[in-house]
N, C-alpha and C. Protein backbone atom coordinates (compact mmCIF):
# COMPACT_ATOMS: atom_id res chain seq x y z
N UNK A 1 40.25 94.45 56.02
CA UNK A 1 40.48 94.56 54.58
C UNK A 1 39.58 95.65 54.00
N UNK A 2 40.16 96.54 53.23
CA UNK A 2 39.43 97.55 52.51
C UNK A 2 39.32 97.14 51.04
N UNK A 3 38.10 97.14 50.51
CA UNK A 3 37.85 96.78 49.12
C UNK A 3 37.43 98.02 48.36
N UNK A 4 38.08 98.27 47.23
CA UNK A 4 37.78 99.42 46.39
C UNK A 4 37.28 98.92 45.04
N UNK A 5 36.04 99.27 44.69
CA UNK A 5 35.49 98.77 43.44
C UNK A 5 34.19 99.49 43.12
N UNK A 6 33.79 99.38 41.87
CA UNK A 6 32.39 99.65 41.53
C UNK A 6 31.73 98.31 41.29
N UNK A 7 30.41 98.25 41.23
CA UNK A 7 29.73 96.95 41.09
C UNK A 7 30.13 96.21 39.82
N UNK A 8 30.56 94.98 39.99
CA UNK A 8 30.98 94.13 38.89
C UNK A 8 31.01 92.70 39.39
N UNK A 9 30.96 91.74 38.48
CA UNK A 9 31.03 90.34 38.89
C UNK A 9 32.32 90.03 39.62
N UNK A 10 33.39 90.78 39.34
CA UNK A 10 34.65 90.57 40.06
C UNK A 10 34.54 91.01 41.52
N UNK A 11 33.72 92.00 41.79
CA UNK A 11 33.46 92.39 43.18
C UNK A 11 32.66 91.31 43.89
N UNK A 12 31.72 90.68 43.19
CA UNK A 12 30.95 89.58 43.80
C UNK A 12 31.89 88.51 44.33
N UNK A 13 32.93 88.20 43.58
CA UNK A 13 33.90 87.18 44.01
C UNK A 13 34.46 87.51 45.39
N UNK A 14 34.88 88.76 45.57
CA UNK A 14 35.52 89.16 46.82
C UNK A 14 34.53 89.19 47.97
N UNK A 15 33.36 89.76 47.73
CA UNK A 15 32.37 89.87 48.80
C UNK A 15 31.90 88.50 49.26
N UNK A 16 31.60 87.63 48.31
CA UNK A 16 31.11 86.29 48.66
C UNK A 16 32.20 85.49 49.36
N UNK A 17 33.43 85.58 48.87
CA UNK A 17 34.55 84.88 49.51
C UNK A 17 34.77 85.38 50.93
N UNK A 18 34.75 86.69 51.11
CA UNK A 18 34.94 87.26 52.44
C UNK A 18 33.86 86.80 53.40
N UNK A 19 32.62 86.79 52.94
CA UNK A 19 31.52 86.36 53.81
C UNK A 19 31.65 84.88 54.15
N UNK A 20 32.02 84.05 53.19
CA UNK A 20 32.19 82.63 53.47
C UNK A 20 33.34 82.38 54.45
N UNK A 21 34.35 83.21 54.39
CA UNK A 21 35.49 83.09 55.30
C UNK A 21 35.23 83.72 56.66
N UNK A 22 34.22 84.59 56.73
CA UNK A 22 34.02 85.37 57.95
C UNK A 22 35.10 86.42 58.13
N UNK A 23 35.62 86.91 57.03
CA UNK A 23 36.72 87.89 57.06
C UNK A 23 36.16 89.31 57.06
N UNK A 24 36.46 90.11 58.06
CA UNK A 24 35.94 91.48 58.09
C UNK A 24 36.46 92.32 56.93
N UNK A 25 35.60 93.21 56.43
CA UNK A 25 36.02 94.08 55.34
C UNK A 25 35.19 95.36 55.35
N UNK A 26 35.71 96.36 54.68
CA UNK A 26 34.99 97.61 54.45
C UNK A 26 34.96 97.86 52.95
N UNK A 27 33.77 97.99 52.39
CA UNK A 27 33.63 98.22 50.96
C UNK A 27 33.56 99.71 50.67
N UNK A 28 34.43 100.16 49.77
CA UNK A 28 34.44 101.55 49.33
C UNK A 28 33.97 101.56 47.87
N UNK A 29 32.70 101.88 47.67
CA UNK A 29 32.15 101.87 46.31
C UNK A 29 32.64 103.07 45.52
N UNK A 30 33.06 102.83 44.31
CA UNK A 30 33.57 103.86 43.43
C UNK A 30 32.57 104.14 42.32
N UNK A 31 32.72 105.27 41.68
CA UNK A 31 31.83 105.68 40.60
C UNK A 31 32.61 105.67 39.29
N UNK A 32 32.32 104.68 38.45
CA UNK A 32 33.03 104.56 37.18
C UNK A 32 32.76 105.75 36.27
N UNK A 33 31.53 106.26 36.31
CA UNK A 33 31.16 107.37 35.43
C UNK A 33 31.92 108.65 35.78
N UNK A 34 32.37 108.76 37.02
CA UNK A 34 33.16 109.92 37.45
C UNK A 34 34.65 109.67 37.30
N UNK A 35 35.00 108.47 36.86
CA UNK A 35 36.41 108.15 36.66
C UNK A 35 37.19 107.93 37.94
N UNK A 36 36.50 107.49 39.01
CA UNK A 36 37.18 107.28 40.28
C UNK A 36 38.34 106.30 40.15
N UNK A 37 38.19 105.32 39.26
CA UNK A 37 39.21 104.27 39.13
C UNK A 37 40.46 104.75 38.40
N UNK A 38 40.41 105.94 37.82
CA UNK A 38 41.58 106.46 37.12
C UNK A 38 42.26 107.60 37.89
N UNK A 39 41.77 107.86 39.09
CA UNK A 39 42.37 108.91 39.91
C UNK A 39 43.67 108.41 40.55
N UNK A 40 44.60 109.34 40.86
CA UNK A 40 45.91 108.92 41.39
C UNK A 40 45.83 108.01 42.60
N UNK A 41 44.87 108.27 43.50
CA UNK A 41 44.81 107.43 44.70
C UNK A 41 44.47 105.97 44.37
N UNK A 42 43.68 105.78 43.30
CA UNK A 42 43.37 104.39 42.94
C UNK A 42 44.47 103.78 42.08
N UNK A 43 45.11 104.57 41.27
CA UNK A 43 46.24 104.05 40.48
C UNK A 43 47.36 103.57 41.40
N UNK A 44 47.42 104.10 42.61
CA UNK A 44 48.39 103.60 43.59
C UNK A 44 48.00 102.21 44.09
N UNK A 45 46.71 101.89 43.99
CA UNK A 45 46.23 100.56 44.40
C UNK A 45 46.33 99.56 43.25
N UNK A 46 45.99 100.03 42.06
CA UNK A 46 46.01 99.17 40.86
C UNK A 46 46.64 99.96 39.73
N UNK A 47 47.82 99.57 39.27
CA UNK A 47 48.56 100.38 38.29
C UNK A 47 47.85 100.56 36.95
N UNK A 48 46.83 99.71 36.66
CA UNK A 48 46.08 99.86 35.42
C UNK A 48 44.74 100.56 35.64
N UNK A 49 44.47 100.95 36.87
CA UNK A 49 43.22 101.64 37.15
C UNK A 49 42.01 100.75 37.01
N UNK A 50 42.16 99.47 37.31
CA UNK A 50 41.05 98.52 37.25
C UNK A 50 40.47 98.29 38.63
N UNK A 51 39.37 97.55 38.68
CA UNK A 51 38.76 97.16 39.95
C UNK A 51 38.43 95.67 39.89
N UNK A 52 38.38 95.05 41.07
CA UNK A 52 38.61 95.61 42.41
C UNK A 52 40.09 95.62 42.77
N UNK A 53 40.39 96.37 43.81
CA UNK A 53 41.69 96.34 44.46
C UNK A 53 41.41 96.36 45.96
N UNK A 54 42.33 95.82 46.72
CA UNK A 54 42.13 95.78 48.17
C UNK A 54 43.36 96.29 48.89
N UNK A 55 43.15 96.65 50.14
CA UNK A 55 44.25 97.02 51.03
C UNK A 55 44.14 96.15 52.27
N UNK A 56 45.20 95.42 52.57
CA UNK A 56 45.26 94.57 53.75
C UNK A 56 46.55 94.88 54.50
N UNK A 57 46.40 95.33 55.72
CA UNK A 57 47.56 95.66 56.55
C UNK A 57 48.53 96.60 55.85
N UNK A 58 47.97 97.60 55.16
CA UNK A 58 48.79 98.62 54.52
C UNK A 58 49.36 98.25 53.17
N UNK A 59 49.07 97.04 52.69
CA UNK A 59 49.58 96.59 51.40
C UNK A 59 48.43 96.46 50.42
N UNK A 60 48.65 96.92 49.18
CA UNK A 60 47.61 96.84 48.15
C UNK A 60 47.78 95.57 47.31
N UNK A 61 46.63 95.02 46.89
CA UNK A 61 46.62 93.84 46.03
C UNK A 61 45.56 94.02 44.96
N UNK A 62 45.79 93.44 43.77
CA UNK A 62 44.80 93.52 42.70
C UNK A 62 44.69 92.17 42.00
N UNK A 63 43.73 92.07 41.08
CA UNK A 63 43.33 90.86 40.37
C UNK A 63 42.46 90.00 41.30
N UNK A 64 41.19 89.91 40.97
CA UNK A 64 40.19 89.34 41.88
C UNK A 64 40.47 87.89 42.26
N UNK A 65 40.86 87.05 41.30
CA UNK A 65 41.11 85.65 41.63
C UNK A 65 42.31 85.50 42.56
N UNK A 66 43.33 86.30 42.31
CA UNK A 66 44.51 86.29 43.17
C UNK A 66 44.15 86.75 44.58
N UNK A 67 43.30 87.75 44.67
CA UNK A 67 42.87 88.24 45.98
C UNK A 67 42.09 87.17 46.73
N UNK A 68 41.24 86.44 46.02
CA UNK A 68 40.48 85.36 46.66
C UNK A 68 41.41 84.29 47.22
N UNK A 69 42.46 83.95 46.46
CA UNK A 69 43.44 82.99 46.95
C UNK A 69 44.12 83.52 48.21
N UNK A 70 44.51 84.78 48.18
CA UNK A 70 45.17 85.39 49.33
C UNK A 70 44.26 85.38 50.54
N UNK A 71 43.01 85.74 50.35
CA UNK A 71 42.06 85.75 51.46
C UNK A 71 41.94 84.37 52.10
N UNK A 72 41.87 83.34 51.25
CA UNK A 72 41.78 81.98 51.77
C UNK A 72 43.03 81.60 52.56
N UNK A 73 44.19 81.97 52.03
CA UNK A 73 45.45 81.64 52.70
C UNK A 73 45.59 82.37 54.03
N UNK A 74 45.08 83.59 54.09
CA UNK A 74 45.15 84.36 55.33
C UNK A 74 44.18 83.85 56.39
N UNK A 75 43.28 82.96 55.98
CA UNK A 75 42.29 82.42 56.91
C UNK A 75 42.42 80.89 57.01
N UNK A 76 43.66 80.45 57.17
CA UNK A 76 43.91 79.04 57.42
C UNK A 76 43.62 78.12 56.26
N UNK A 77 43.66 78.67 55.03
CA UNK A 77 43.38 77.91 53.81
C UNK A 77 41.94 77.42 53.74
N UNK A 78 41.06 77.99 54.54
CA UNK A 78 39.64 77.68 54.41
C UNK A 78 39.20 78.07 52.99
N UNK A 79 38.37 77.26 52.38
CA UNK A 79 37.90 77.41 51.00
C UNK A 79 38.98 77.08 49.97
N UNK A 80 40.10 76.53 50.43
CA UNK A 80 41.22 76.31 49.49
C UNK A 80 41.82 74.91 49.60
N UNK A 81 41.59 74.22 50.71
CA UNK A 81 42.19 72.90 50.91
C UNK A 81 43.44 72.98 51.75
N UNK A 82 43.91 71.81 52.20
CA UNK A 82 45.04 71.77 53.13
C UNK A 82 46.33 71.24 52.53
N UNK A 83 46.28 70.76 51.29
CA UNK A 83 47.49 70.20 50.67
C UNK A 83 47.74 70.86 49.33
N UNK A 84 48.95 70.68 48.84
CA UNK A 84 49.30 71.23 47.53
C UNK A 84 48.40 70.64 46.45
N UNK A 85 48.06 69.36 46.60
CA UNK A 85 47.20 68.71 45.62
C UNK A 85 45.79 69.30 45.64
N UNK A 86 45.27 69.57 46.82
CA UNK A 86 43.95 70.19 46.93
C UNK A 86 43.96 71.60 46.35
N UNK A 87 45.03 72.34 46.61
CA UNK A 87 45.17 73.68 46.03
C UNK A 87 45.18 73.60 44.51
N UNK A 88 45.90 72.62 43.98
CA UNK A 88 45.99 72.48 42.52
C UNK A 88 44.62 72.18 41.92
N UNK A 89 43.84 71.36 42.60
CA UNK A 89 42.51 71.01 42.10
C UNK A 89 41.61 72.23 42.08
N UNK A 90 41.68 73.03 43.14
CA UNK A 90 40.90 74.28 43.18
C UNK A 90 41.39 75.24 42.10
N UNK A 91 42.71 75.37 41.99
CA UNK A 91 43.29 76.32 41.03
C UNK A 91 42.97 75.96 39.59
N UNK A 92 42.94 74.67 39.27
CA UNK A 92 42.67 74.31 37.88
C UNK A 92 41.26 74.75 37.48
N UNK A 93 40.32 74.65 38.42
CA UNK A 93 38.97 75.09 38.13
C UNK A 93 38.83 76.60 38.11
N UNK A 94 39.54 77.27 39.01
CA UNK A 94 39.55 78.73 38.99
C UNK A 94 40.07 79.23 37.65
N UNK A 95 41.17 78.63 37.18
CA UNK A 95 41.76 79.06 35.92
C UNK A 95 40.88 78.67 34.73
N UNK A 96 40.28 77.49 34.79
CA UNK A 96 39.41 77.06 33.70
C UNK A 96 38.22 78.02 33.56
N UNK A 97 37.65 78.40 34.69
CA UNK A 97 36.52 79.32 34.65
C UNK A 97 36.97 80.70 34.17
N UNK A 98 38.10 81.15 34.66
CA UNK A 98 38.58 82.49 34.30
C UNK A 98 38.93 82.60 32.82
N UNK A 99 39.62 81.59 32.30
CA UNK A 99 40.17 81.68 30.94
C UNK A 99 39.25 81.11 29.86
N UNK A 100 38.23 80.39 30.26
CA UNK A 100 37.36 79.76 29.27
C UNK A 100 35.90 80.18 29.48
N UNK A 101 35.19 79.56 30.41
CA UNK A 101 33.78 79.90 30.61
C UNK A 101 33.61 81.39 30.90
N UNK A 102 34.38 81.90 31.84
CA UNK A 102 34.26 83.32 32.20
C UNK A 102 34.64 84.25 31.06
N UNK A 103 35.61 83.83 30.27
CA UNK A 103 36.04 84.63 29.10
C UNK A 103 34.85 84.92 28.19
N UNK A 104 34.02 83.91 27.96
CA UNK A 104 32.92 84.08 27.01
C UNK A 104 31.67 84.66 27.67
N UNK A 105 31.51 84.42 28.96
CA UNK A 105 30.39 85.07 29.65
C UNK A 105 30.59 86.59 29.71
N UNK A 106 31.83 87.03 29.81
CA UNK A 106 32.07 88.46 29.85
C UNK A 106 31.76 89.13 28.51
N UNK A 107 31.80 88.36 27.43
CA UNK A 107 31.36 88.89 26.13
C UNK A 107 29.88 89.27 26.21
N UNK A 108 29.09 88.38 26.78
CA UNK A 108 27.67 88.68 26.95
C UNK A 108 27.47 89.89 27.86
N UNK A 109 28.24 89.94 28.94
CA UNK A 109 28.14 91.07 29.87
C UNK A 109 28.42 92.39 29.14
N UNK A 110 29.47 92.40 28.35
CA UNK A 110 29.85 93.62 27.64
C UNK A 110 28.83 93.97 26.56
N UNK A 111 28.45 92.99 25.77
CA UNK A 111 27.58 93.26 24.62
C UNK A 111 26.15 93.60 25.05
N UNK A 112 25.63 92.92 26.08
CA UNK A 112 24.22 93.07 26.43
C UNK A 112 23.96 93.96 27.63
N UNK A 113 25.00 94.29 28.39
CA UNK A 113 24.81 95.15 29.55
C UNK A 113 25.60 96.46 29.45
N UNK A 114 26.89 96.33 29.20
CA UNK A 114 27.73 97.53 29.16
C UNK A 114 27.39 98.42 27.96
N UNK A 115 27.34 97.84 26.79
CA UNK A 115 27.08 98.64 25.59
C UNK A 115 25.77 99.42 25.65
N UNK A 116 24.65 98.79 25.93
CA UNK A 116 23.38 99.53 25.93
C UNK A 116 23.28 100.60 27.01
N UNK A 117 23.92 100.36 28.17
CA UNK A 117 23.74 101.28 29.30
C UNK A 117 24.85 102.32 29.38
N UNK A 118 26.08 101.90 29.20
CA UNK A 118 27.22 102.80 29.43
C UNK A 118 27.86 103.34 28.16
N UNK A 119 27.44 102.85 27.01
CA UNK A 119 28.06 103.28 25.76
C UNK A 119 27.02 103.87 24.80
N UNK A 120 26.15 104.69 25.36
CA UNK A 120 25.17 105.46 24.59
C UNK A 120 24.29 104.58 23.71
N UNK A 121 23.89 103.45 24.30
CA UNK A 121 22.92 102.60 23.61
C UNK A 121 23.45 101.85 22.41
N UNK A 122 24.75 101.59 22.37
CA UNK A 122 25.30 100.82 21.25
C UNK A 122 24.67 99.43 21.19
N UNK A 123 24.41 98.96 20.01
CA UNK A 123 23.79 97.65 19.83
C UNK A 123 24.82 96.55 20.04
N UNK A 124 24.40 95.42 20.59
CA UNK A 124 25.31 94.29 20.75
C UNK A 124 25.81 93.78 19.40
N UNK A 125 27.00 93.24 19.39
CA UNK A 125 27.55 92.63 18.19
C UNK A 125 27.06 91.20 18.08
N UNK A 126 26.27 90.92 17.08
CA UNK A 126 25.73 89.58 16.90
C UNK A 126 26.83 88.57 16.62
N UNK A 127 27.87 88.98 15.92
CA UNK A 127 28.97 88.06 15.62
C UNK A 127 29.74 87.70 16.89
N UNK A 128 29.92 88.69 17.77
CA UNK A 128 30.62 88.42 19.04
C UNK A 128 29.81 87.48 19.91
N UNK A 129 28.50 87.68 19.96
CA UNK A 129 27.64 86.82 20.76
C UNK A 129 27.58 85.40 20.19
N UNK A 130 27.57 85.30 18.87
CA UNK A 130 27.55 83.97 18.24
C UNK A 130 28.83 83.21 18.55
N UNK A 131 29.95 83.90 18.49
CA UNK A 131 31.23 83.25 18.81
C UNK A 131 31.24 82.79 20.27
N UNK A 132 30.79 83.66 21.18
CA UNK A 132 30.75 83.30 22.60
C UNK A 132 29.84 82.12 22.85
N UNK A 133 28.68 82.11 22.20
CA UNK A 133 27.73 81.00 22.38
C UNK A 133 28.34 79.67 21.94
N UNK A 134 29.11 79.71 20.86
CA UNK A 134 29.74 78.50 20.36
C UNK A 134 30.74 77.92 21.35
N UNK A 135 31.54 78.78 21.97
CA UNK A 135 32.50 78.30 22.94
C UNK A 135 31.82 77.83 24.23
N UNK A 136 30.80 78.55 24.67
CA UNK A 136 30.09 78.14 25.88
C UNK A 136 29.41 76.79 25.69
N UNK A 137 28.94 76.52 24.49
CA UNK A 137 28.31 75.23 24.21
C UNK A 137 29.30 74.08 24.38
N UNK A 138 30.58 74.36 24.22
CA UNK A 138 31.62 73.35 24.42
C UNK A 138 32.06 73.27 25.89
N UNK A 139 32.03 74.41 26.57
CA UNK A 139 32.66 74.49 27.89
C UNK A 139 31.70 74.28 29.06
N UNK A 140 30.47 74.76 28.95
CA UNK A 140 29.52 74.59 30.05
C UNK A 140 29.23 73.12 30.36
N UNK A 141 29.19 72.22 29.36
CA UNK A 141 29.00 70.81 29.68
C UNK A 141 30.08 70.23 30.59
N UNK A 142 31.29 70.78 30.53
CA UNK A 142 32.37 70.30 31.40
C UNK A 142 32.04 70.62 32.86
N UNK A 143 31.57 71.85 33.11
CA UNK A 143 31.16 72.22 34.46
C UNK A 143 29.93 71.44 34.89
N UNK A 144 29.01 71.24 33.97
CA UNK A 144 27.81 70.45 34.26
C UNK A 144 28.18 69.05 34.72
N UNK A 145 29.12 68.43 34.05
CA UNK A 145 29.54 67.08 34.41
C UNK A 145 30.17 67.05 35.79
N UNK A 146 31.02 68.03 36.09
CA UNK A 146 31.66 68.08 37.41
C UNK A 146 30.62 68.20 38.52
N UNK A 147 29.61 69.02 38.27
CA UNK A 147 28.59 69.25 39.29
C UNK A 147 27.57 68.12 39.37
N UNK A 148 27.64 67.17 38.44
CA UNK A 148 26.79 65.99 38.52
C UNK A 148 27.33 64.99 39.55
N UNK A 149 28.57 65.19 39.97
CA UNK A 149 29.23 64.24 40.86
C UNK A 149 29.16 64.65 42.33
N UNK A 150 29.08 65.97 42.60
CA UNK A 150 29.05 66.43 43.98
C UNK A 150 28.44 67.82 44.04
N UNK A 151 28.20 68.29 45.26
CA UNK A 151 27.45 69.52 45.46
C UNK A 151 28.19 70.77 45.00
N UNK A 152 29.51 70.73 45.11
CA UNK A 152 30.32 71.89 44.71
C UNK A 152 31.32 71.47 43.64
N UNK A 153 32.02 72.41 43.08
CA UNK A 153 32.82 72.13 41.89
C UNK A 153 33.90 71.09 42.15
N UNK A 154 34.60 71.20 43.28
CA UNK A 154 35.71 70.28 43.53
C UNK A 154 35.37 69.16 44.52
N UNK A 155 34.16 69.16 45.05
CA UNK A 155 33.80 68.13 46.02
C UNK A 155 32.57 68.52 46.82
N UNK A 156 32.53 68.06 48.05
CA UNK A 156 31.35 68.27 48.88
C UNK A 156 31.44 69.53 49.75
N UNK A 157 32.55 70.26 49.64
CA UNK A 157 32.71 71.50 50.42
C UNK A 157 32.91 72.67 49.46
N UNK A 158 32.36 73.81 49.83
CA UNK A 158 32.52 75.00 49.02
C UNK A 158 33.97 75.48 49.08
N UNK A 159 34.48 75.94 47.94
CA UNK A 159 35.84 76.50 47.85
C UNK A 159 35.78 77.80 47.05
N UNK A 160 36.94 78.41 46.90
CA UNK A 160 36.98 79.63 46.09
C UNK A 160 36.67 79.33 44.62
N UNK A 161 36.80 78.08 44.20
CA UNK A 161 36.37 77.74 42.84
C UNK A 161 34.87 78.01 42.69
N UNK A 162 34.12 77.79 43.76
CA UNK A 162 32.68 78.03 43.74
C UNK A 162 32.35 79.51 43.87
N UNK A 163 33.00 80.22 44.77
CA UNK A 163 32.69 81.64 44.92
C UNK A 163 33.06 82.42 43.66
N UNK A 164 34.15 82.02 43.03
CA UNK A 164 34.57 82.65 41.77
C UNK A 164 33.68 82.21 40.63
N UNK A 165 33.43 80.90 40.54
CA UNK A 165 32.59 80.38 39.47
C UNK A 165 31.17 80.92 39.54
N UNK A 166 30.61 80.97 40.73
CA UNK A 166 29.26 81.52 40.90
C UNK A 166 29.20 82.95 40.38
N UNK A 167 30.19 83.74 40.70
CA UNK A 167 30.19 85.15 40.31
C UNK A 167 30.20 85.33 38.81
N UNK A 168 30.82 84.39 38.10
CA UNK A 168 30.81 84.45 36.64
C UNK A 168 29.49 83.93 36.08
N UNK A 169 29.00 82.82 36.61
CA UNK A 169 27.73 82.26 36.14
C UNK A 169 26.58 83.23 36.43
N UNK A 170 26.74 84.08 37.43
CA UNK A 170 25.71 85.07 37.76
C UNK A 170 25.38 85.97 36.57
N UNK A 171 26.32 86.12 35.65
CA UNK A 171 26.10 86.92 34.45
C UNK A 171 24.91 86.38 33.65
N UNK A 172 24.71 85.06 33.71
CA UNK A 172 23.64 84.46 32.91
C UNK A 172 22.26 84.94 33.34
N UNK A 173 22.14 85.37 34.59
CA UNK A 173 20.84 85.81 35.08
C UNK A 173 20.42 87.15 34.48
N UNK A 174 21.37 87.88 33.93
CA UNK A 174 21.10 89.23 33.43
C UNK A 174 21.29 89.34 31.92
N UNK A 175 21.63 88.23 31.28
CA UNK A 175 21.87 88.24 29.84
C UNK A 175 21.05 87.12 29.19
N UNK A 176 21.25 86.93 27.90
CA UNK A 176 20.46 85.94 27.16
C UNK A 176 21.05 84.53 27.21
N UNK A 177 22.11 84.32 27.98
CA UNK A 177 22.67 82.97 28.11
C UNK A 177 21.63 82.07 28.78
N UNK A 178 21.37 80.93 28.17
CA UNK A 178 20.33 80.01 28.65
C UNK A 178 20.97 78.80 29.32
N UNK A 179 20.65 78.59 30.60
CA UNK A 179 21.21 77.47 31.35
C UNK A 179 20.25 76.30 31.47
N UNK A 180 19.14 76.32 30.76
CA UNK A 180 18.14 75.26 30.91
C UNK A 180 18.67 73.88 30.56
N UNK A 181 19.68 73.82 29.72
CA UNK A 181 20.26 72.53 29.36
C UNK A 181 21.24 72.01 30.40
N UNK A 182 21.44 72.79 31.48
CA UNK A 182 22.44 72.45 32.48
C UNK A 182 21.83 72.44 33.88
N UNK A 183 21.03 71.42 34.21
CA UNK A 183 20.32 71.39 35.48
C UNK A 183 21.23 71.37 36.70
N UNK A 184 22.39 70.75 36.60
CA UNK A 184 23.29 70.70 37.75
C UNK A 184 23.93 72.06 38.01
N UNK A 185 24.24 72.78 36.95
CA UNK A 185 24.76 74.14 37.13
C UNK A 185 23.69 75.02 37.78
N UNK A 186 22.47 74.91 37.32
CA UNK A 186 21.38 75.71 37.88
C UNK A 186 21.15 75.36 39.35
N UNK A 187 21.18 74.09 39.69
CA UNK A 187 20.99 73.67 41.07
C UNK A 187 22.09 74.23 41.97
N UNK A 188 23.33 74.12 41.52
CA UNK A 188 24.49 74.66 42.26
C UNK A 188 24.40 76.18 42.41
N UNK A 189 24.08 76.84 41.32
CA UNK A 189 23.96 78.30 41.33
C UNK A 189 22.89 78.74 42.33
N UNK A 190 21.73 78.13 42.26
CA UNK A 190 20.63 78.52 43.15
C UNK A 190 20.94 78.20 44.61
N UNK A 191 21.68 77.12 44.85
CA UNK A 191 22.04 76.77 46.22
C UNK A 191 22.98 77.81 46.82
N UNK A 192 23.94 78.28 46.04
CA UNK A 192 24.85 79.31 46.56
C UNK A 192 24.10 80.62 46.75
N UNK A 193 23.22 80.94 45.82
CA UNK A 193 22.47 82.19 45.94
C UNK A 193 21.55 82.18 47.16
N UNK A 194 21.17 81.00 47.62
CA UNK A 194 20.30 80.88 48.80
C UNK A 194 21.08 80.92 50.11
N UNK A 195 22.40 80.90 50.04
CA UNK A 195 23.20 80.91 51.27
C UNK A 195 23.14 82.29 51.94
N UNK A 196 23.11 82.32 53.27
CA UNK A 196 23.09 83.61 53.99
C UNK A 196 24.28 84.51 53.64
N UNK A 197 25.40 83.90 53.27
CA UNK A 197 26.59 84.67 52.93
C UNK A 197 26.36 85.53 51.68
N UNK A 198 25.59 85.00 50.74
CA UNK A 198 25.29 85.78 49.53
C UNK A 198 24.41 86.97 49.89
N UNK A 199 23.41 86.75 50.72
CA UNK A 199 22.53 87.84 51.15
C UNK A 199 23.32 88.93 51.86
N UNK A 200 24.25 88.54 52.73
CA UNK A 200 25.08 89.51 53.44
C UNK A 200 25.97 90.27 52.47
N UNK A 201 26.51 89.57 51.48
CA UNK A 201 27.39 90.22 50.50
C UNK A 201 26.63 91.28 49.72
N UNK A 202 25.43 90.95 49.27
CA UNK A 202 24.65 91.89 48.45
C UNK A 202 24.10 93.05 49.27
N UNK A 203 24.02 92.89 50.57
CA UNK A 203 23.50 93.97 51.43
C UNK A 203 24.40 95.20 51.40
N UNK A 204 25.62 95.04 50.92
CA UNK A 204 26.55 96.17 50.82
C UNK A 204 26.24 97.09 49.65
N UNK A 205 25.38 96.65 48.74
CA UNK A 205 25.22 97.33 47.45
C UNK A 205 23.90 98.07 47.35
N UNK A 206 23.84 99.09 46.46
CA UNK A 206 22.58 99.81 46.25
C UNK A 206 21.46 98.85 45.85
N UNK A 207 20.33 98.96 46.53
CA UNK A 207 19.15 98.11 46.28
C UNK A 207 19.44 96.63 46.51
N UNK A 208 20.57 96.32 47.16
CA UNK A 208 20.91 94.94 47.45
C UNK A 208 21.19 94.11 46.23
N UNK A 209 21.57 94.77 45.12
CA UNK A 209 21.83 94.07 43.86
C UNK A 209 23.15 94.54 43.27
N UNK A 210 23.88 93.59 42.68
CA UNK A 210 25.17 93.94 42.09
C UNK A 210 25.01 94.82 40.87
N UNK A 211 23.98 94.58 40.07
CA UNK A 211 23.86 95.29 38.80
C UNK A 211 22.69 96.27 38.77
N UNK A 212 22.39 96.87 39.90
CA UNK A 212 21.30 97.85 39.97
C UNK A 212 21.55 99.04 39.05
N UNK A 213 22.85 99.39 38.87
CA UNK A 213 23.19 100.52 38.01
C UNK A 213 22.84 100.26 36.55
N UNK A 214 22.69 98.96 36.20
CA UNK A 214 22.35 98.59 34.84
C UNK A 214 20.84 98.41 34.68
N UNK A 215 20.09 98.74 35.74
CA UNK A 215 18.65 98.55 35.69
C UNK A 215 18.25 97.11 35.85
N UNK A 216 19.15 96.28 36.43
CA UNK A 216 18.90 94.85 36.59
C UNK A 216 18.62 94.50 38.05
């Protein structure tokens, strides 16, 4: 599998999932400042010029969560479950994180990381951050409750709900989002970060960090 991306939390999803699956891959790091993602060769991989995109057996795929599902399916449904019901349980959490918790964490990423570094020092929008904080205050307790019952989001085994969820929660380490009120989320996050697969995933990146380009 060839992965094309610049450093982003969506790339973390793919790298961590691949390492957990033991799926071989080659990472091709792109330069957003040079517009690599808008060049014709990448538009052939992703019609909107977004990242990440992958190539598997000559076929291109895009959208990080969809790619994680595909990777799991190509590896005997490892990290995904063996029944339609297990898939549904994983998928509901993937979608919940993508459309709710992740939706508001990306506001923090944009306002506190992208704007100051990549947009000529633009100040964060306090109204946008306040709105995001309000929604996270409603949504993070749901994840906290789930993780109070077992080690991983859907049970006692790691799934793509965890590799995807971890990659979004990772934003909190670089922004002002405070997880102190959520001890189970912090325990889960730190446990995944301590896994050898995470270390291997980050070894692909400059300085071994996903957000080194942001000075983080």
